[in-house]
């Protein structure tokens, strides 16, 4: 089993901004860093990073085709598997639950992803997918 340091270390973001604590940039390591990185992958539209055009989530098919709600959820799951599975720290994706939008909101889906990371542990990562 790998240590939590295998989940990486990075700068902490809050609402898209770097966090400064006691005059220094705040850092994350371990599981919080992995969760932040995976959420950023999902929030980034596929192809919008000119240096990593395969990075991000493609939701255009989900919302531009005439599909049922169930088909849209299945397309979203497939996109999430491709997106999250692209992170080298993700060993396996075990389950993706698309939850009912809060208050009937159609433009925000809550998703829970159960995955096995390179540390060998199973983690649940909550993600909101907005469009």
C-alpha atoms as a PDB file:
ATOM      1  CA  UNK A   1       0.000   0.000   0.000  1.00  0.00           C
ATOM      2  CA  UNK A   2       1.338   3.421  -0.962  1.00  0.00           C
ATOM      3  CA  UNK A   3       1.504   6.226   1.564  1.00  0.00           C
ATOM      4  CA  UNK A   4      -0.744   9.258   1.495  1.00  0.00           C
ATOM      5  CA  UNK A   5       2.167  11.249   0.082  1.00  0.00           C
ATOM      6  CA  UNK A   6       1.510   9.382  -3.164  1.00  0.00           C
ATOM      7  CA  UNK A   7      -1.724  11.384  -3.375  1.00  0.00           C
ATOM      8  CA  UNK A   8       0.342  14.470  -3.983  1.00  0.00           C
ATOM      9  CA  UNK A   9       0.867  17.919  -2.642  1.00  0.00           C
ATOM     10  CA  UNK A  10      -0.272  21.228  -4.066  1.00  0.00           C
ATOM     11  CA  UNK A  11      -1.459  24.741  -3.372  1.00  0.00           C
ATOM     12  CA  UNK A  12      -4.843  25.090  -1.716  1.00  0.00           C
ATOM     13  CA  UNK A  13      -7.610  26.782  -3.657  1.00  0.00           C
ATOM     14  CA  UNK A  14     -10.799  28.230  -2.222  1.00  0.00           C
ATOM     15  CA  UNK A  15     -13.459  29.412  -4.655  1.00  0.00           C
ATOM     16  CA  UNK A  16     -10.794  29.411  -7.374  1.00  0.00           C
ATOM     17  CA  UNK A  17      -8.371  31.609  -5.447  1.00  0.00           C
ATOM     18  CA  UNK A  18      -5.079  30.709  -3.813  1.00  0.00           C
ATOM     19  CA  UNK A  19      -5.264  30.646  -0.020  1.00  0.00           C
ATOM     20  CA  UNK A  20      -2.774  32.690   2.009  1.00  0.00           C
ATOM     21  CA  UNK A  21      -2.269  31.830   5.674  1.00  0.00           C
ATOM     22  CA  UNK A  22       0.196  33.668   7.915  1.00  0.00           C
ATOM     23  CA  UNK A  23       1.742  35.340   4.877  1.00  0.00           C
ATOM     24  CA  UNK A  24       2.391  32.075   3.005  1.00  0.00           C
ATOM     25  CA  UNK A  25       0.545  30.154   0.323  1.00  0.00           C
ATOM     26  CA  UNK A  26      -1.431  27.340   1.966  1.00  0.00           C
ATOM     27  CA  UNK A  27      -0.727  23.791   0.799  1.00  0.00           C
ATOM     28  CA  UNK A  28      -2.716  20.582   0.695  1.00  0.00           C
ATOM     29  CA  UNK A  29      -1.394  17.051   0.759  1.00  0.00           C
ATOM     30  CA  UNK A  30      -2.817  13.564   0.780  1.00  0.00           C
ATOM     31  CA  UNK A  31      -6.518  12.997   0.250  1.00  0.00           C
ATOM     32  CA  UNK A  32      -7.550  16.690   0.362  1.00  0.00           C
ATOM     33  CA  UNK A  33      -5.073  17.389  -2.445  1.00  0.00           C
ATOM     34  CA  UNK A  34      -6.418  14.498  -4.546  1.00  0.00           C
ATOM     35  CA  UNK A  35     -10.020  15.594  -4.023  1.00  0.00           C
ATOM     36  CA  UNK A  36      -9.166  19.179  -5.011  1.00  0.00           C
ATOM     37  CA  UNK A  37      -7.343  17.987  -8.134  1.00  0.00           C
ATOM     38  CA  UNK A  38     -10.219  15.728  -9.203  1.00  0.00           C
ATOM     39  CA  UNK A  39     -12.802  18.455  -8.657  1.00  0.00           C
ATOM     40  CA  UNK A  40     -10.688  20.827 -10.784  1.00  0.00           C
ATOM     41  CA  UNK A  41     -10.607  18.195 -13.566  1.00  0.00           C
ATOM     42  CA  UNK A  42     -14.383  18.000 -13.508  1.00  0.00           C
ATOM     43  CA  UNK A  43     -14.872  21.774 -13.431  1.00  0.00           C
ATOM     44  CA  UNK A  44     -12.537  22.314 -16.396  1.00  0.00           C
ATOM     45  CA  UNK A  45     -14.256  22.032 -19.790  1.00  0.00           C
ATOM     46  CA  UNK A  46     -12.514  19.466 -21.994  1.00  0.00           C
ATOM     47  CA  UNK A  47     -10.054  21.119 -24.368  1.00  0.00           C
ATOM     48  CA  UNK A  48     -10.018  24.486 -22.610  1.00  0.00           C
ATOM     49  CA  UNK A  49      -6.451  24.038 -21.324  1.00  0.00           C
ATOM     50  CA  UNK A  50      -4.269  24.761 -24.344  1.00  0.00           C
ATOM     51  CA  UNK A  51      -1.324  22.921 -22.798  1.00  0.00           C
ATOM     52  CA  UNK A  52      -3.310  19.776 -21.921  1.00  0.00           C
ATOM     53  CA  UNK A  53      -6.160  19.538 -24.421  1.00  0.00           C
ATOM     54  CA  UNK A  54      -7.252  16.123 -23.114  1.00  0.00           C
ATOM     55  CA  UNK A  55      -7.733  17.507 -19.585  1.00  0.00           C
ATOM     56  CA  UNK A  56     -11.235  18.232 -18.310  1.00  0.00           C
ATOM     57  CA  UNK A  57     -14.793  16.974 -18.544  1.00  0.00           C
ATOM     58  CA  UNK A  58     -16.819  16.951 -21.761  1.00  0.00           C
ATOM     59  CA  UNK A  59     -20.480  17.513 -20.975  1.00  0.00           C
ATOM     60  CA  UNK A  60     -21.535  18.781 -24.399  1.00  0.00           C
ATOM     61  CA  UNK A  61     -23.025  15.437 -25.443  1.00  0.00           C
ATOM     62  CA  UNK A  62     -24.994  15.206 -22.225  1.00  0.00           C
ATOM     63  CA  UNK A  63     -26.679  18.559 -22.730  1.00  0.00           C
ATOM     64  CA  UNK A  64     -26.819  19.022 -26.504  1.00  0.00           C
ATOM     65  CA  UNK A  65     -28.476  15.749 -27.501  1.00  0.00           C
ATOM     66  CA  UNK A  66     -32.106  14.827 -27.115  1.00  0.00           C
ATOM     67  CA  UNK A  67     -31.767  12.158 -24.423  1.00  0.00           C
ATOM     68  CA  UNK A  68     -33.777  10.984 -21.460  1.00  0.00           C
ATOM     69  CA  UNK A  69     -32.695  11.894 -17.941  1.00  0.00           C
ATOM     70  CA  UNK A  70     -31.375   8.343 -17.480  1.00  0.00           C
ATOM     71  CA  UNK A  71     -29.354   8.529 -20.713  1.00  0.00           C
ATOM     72  CA  UNK A  72     -27.944  11.914 -19.672  1.00  0.00           C
ATOM     73  CA  UNK A  73     -26.835  10.425 -16.341  1.00  0.00           C
ATOM     74  CA  UNK A  74     -25.203   7.495 -18.133  1.00  0.00           C
ATOM     75  CA  UNK A  75     -23.356   9.857 -20.498  1.00  0.00           C
ATOM     76  CA  UNK A  76     -22.224  11.897 -17.493  1.00  0.00           C
ATOM     77  CA  UNK A  77     -20.949   8.745 -15.755  1.00  0.00           C
ATOM     78  CA  UNK A  78     -18.970   7.762 -18.873  1.00  0.00           C
ATOM     79  CA  UNK A  79     -17.452  11.247 -19.067  1.00  0.00           C
ATOM     80  CA  UNK A  80     -16.521  11.143 -15.393  1.00  0.00           C
ATOM     81  CA  UNK A  81     -14.843   7.740 -15.765  1.00  0.00           C
ATOM     82  CA  UNK A  82     -12.751   9.118 -18.642  1.00  0.00           C
ATOM     83  CA  UNK A  83     -11.937  12.345 -16.839  1.00  0.00           C
ATOM     84  CA  UNK A  84     -11.161  11.006 -13.375  1.00  0.00           C
ATOM     85  CA  UNK A  85      -9.471   7.874 -14.683  1.00  0.00           C
ATOM     86  CA  UNK A  86      -6.998  10.148 -16.460  1.00  0.00           C
ATOM     87  CA  UNK A  87      -5.423  11.086 -13.134  1.00  0.00           C
ATOM     88  CA  UNK A  88      -2.445   8.818 -12.402  1.00  0.00           C
ATOM     89  CA  UNK A  89      -3.416   8.699  -8.710  1.00  0.00           C
ATOM     90  CA  UNK A  90      -6.720   6.963  -9.500  1.00  0.00           C
ATOM     91  CA  UNK A  91      -6.308   3.198  -9.680  1.00  0.00           C
ATOM     92  CA  UNK A  92      -9.961   2.207 -10.110  1.00  0.00           C
ATOM     93  CA  UNK A  93     -13.396   3.815 -10.220  1.00  0.00           C
ATOM     94  CA  UNK A  94     -15.835   1.580  -8.363  1.00  0.00           C
ATOM     95  CA  UNK A  95     -19.085   3.518  -8.484  1.00  0.00           C
ATOM     96  CA  UNK A  96     -20.582   6.806  -9.612  1.00  0.00           C
ATOM     97  CA  UNK A  97     -23.884   7.904  -8.119  1.00  0.00           C
ATOM     98  CA  UNK A  98     -25.695  10.804  -9.761  1.00  0.00           C
ATOM     99  CA  UNK A  99     -27.933  12.273  -7.073  1.00  0.00           C
ATOM    100  CA  UNK A 100     -31.121  14.197  -7.600  1.00  0.00           C
ATOM    101  CA  UNK A 101     -30.443  17.914  -8.027  1.00  0.00           C
ATOM    102  CA  UNK A 102     -31.135  19.911  -4.854  1.00  0.00           C
ATOM    103  CA  UNK A 103     -34.505  21.659  -4.952  1.00  0.00           C
ATOM    104  CA  UNK A 104     -35.152  20.406  -8.473  1.00  0.00           C
ATOM    105  CA  UNK A 105     -32.276  22.448  -9.913  1.00  0.00           C
ATOM    106  CA  UNK A 106     -31.753  21.152 -13.440  1.00  0.00           C
ATOM    107  CA  UNK A 107     -28.408  22.821 -14.037  1.00  0.00           C
ATOM    108  CA  UNK A 108     -26.535  21.363 -11.059  1.00  0.00           C
ATOM    109  CA  UNK A 109     -25.993  17.664 -10.472  1.00  0.00           C
ATOM    110  CA  UNK A 110     -24.470  16.269  -7.305  1.00  0.00           C
ATOM    111  CA  UNK A 111     -22.265  13.249  -7.927  1.00  0.00           C
ATOM    112  CA  UNK A 112     -20.511  10.868  -5.551  1.00  0.00           C
ATOM    113  CA  UNK A 113     -17.579   8.946  -6.983  1.00  0.00           C
ATOM    114  CA  UNK A 114     -16.204   5.926  -5.137  1.00  0.00           C
ATOM    115  CA  UNK A 115     -12.658   5.203  -6.238  1.00  0.00           C
ATOM    116  CA  UNK A 116      -9.533   3.362  -5.232  1.00  0.00           C
ATOM    117  CA  UNK A 117      -6.464   5.580  -5.231  1.00  0.00           C
ATOM    118  CA  UNK A 118      -2.820   4.592  -5.519  1.00  0.00           C
ATOM    119  CA  UNK A 119      -2.663   4.547  -1.722  1.00  0.00           C
ATOM    120  CA  UNK A 120      -4.812   1.399  -1.961  1.00  0.00           C
ATOM    121  CA  UNK A 121      -7.680   2.926  -0.013  1.00  0.00           C
ATOM    122  CA  UNK A 122     -11.236   3.442  -1.185  1.00  0.00           C
ATOM    123  CA  UNK A 123     -12.346   7.080  -1.140  1.00  0.00           C
ATOM    124  CA  UNK A 124     -15.657   8.808  -1.820  1.00  0.00           C
ATOM    125  CA  UNK A 125     -15.259  12.062  -3.707  1.00  0.00           C
ATOM    126  CA  UNK A 126     -18.249  14.432  -3.849  1.00  0.00           C
ATOM    127  CA  UNK A 127     -18.454  16.547  -7.001  1.00  0.00           C
ATOM    128  CA  UNK A 128     -20.968  19.076  -8.305  1.00  0.00           C
ATOM    129  CA  UNK A 129     -21.367  19.194 -12.066  1.00  0.00           C
ATOM    130  CA  UNK A 130     -22.908  22.417 -13.317  1.00  0.00           C
ATOM    131  CA  UNK A 131     -23.745  23.348 -16.877  1.00  0.00           C
END
